[in-house]
């Protein structure tokens, strides 16, 4: 699984003009599932994201996690994280998981976050969404459960 993590002051996701998920300070997580991913990948990323120290402590150092700060997470599915643009001009998504598998992994990931008592809002799987955010820092990180980057 792949994730783009953005430290945000606030974020929301709208579908057809209606807000379906909104958070204050915390993380926006854009999440994609690959063809070889499993529950193990969802577990790895959930643990990594909740304990990733990207929030500032009183000394101004990135030393606190979203769990430490009591921040929220907005998780949005994004299969395009598996887009391969190396050939031609149109991305290929052959490494992305099929929708039925990707949706189950997305739900598993969200469930694992909530099981750790994290406040989690979500978008809607396979919907056309408008994502709004105020990136704090800016801080943006890439994660891959297979550790390919």
Foldseek 3Di string as FASTA:
>chain_A
DKKKKFFFQKKFKDFPRHTQWIFGTAIEIADFAWAPDDLVLLLVVLVCQQAPQQDQDPVGDSGGHCVRVLGAYEYEYDLCVQWDCPDDHGTDSNGGHPQVRGVVSSVSSVVSNVVVVHHYTYDDRPGDMDMDTGGPVGDIDMDDSVPPD
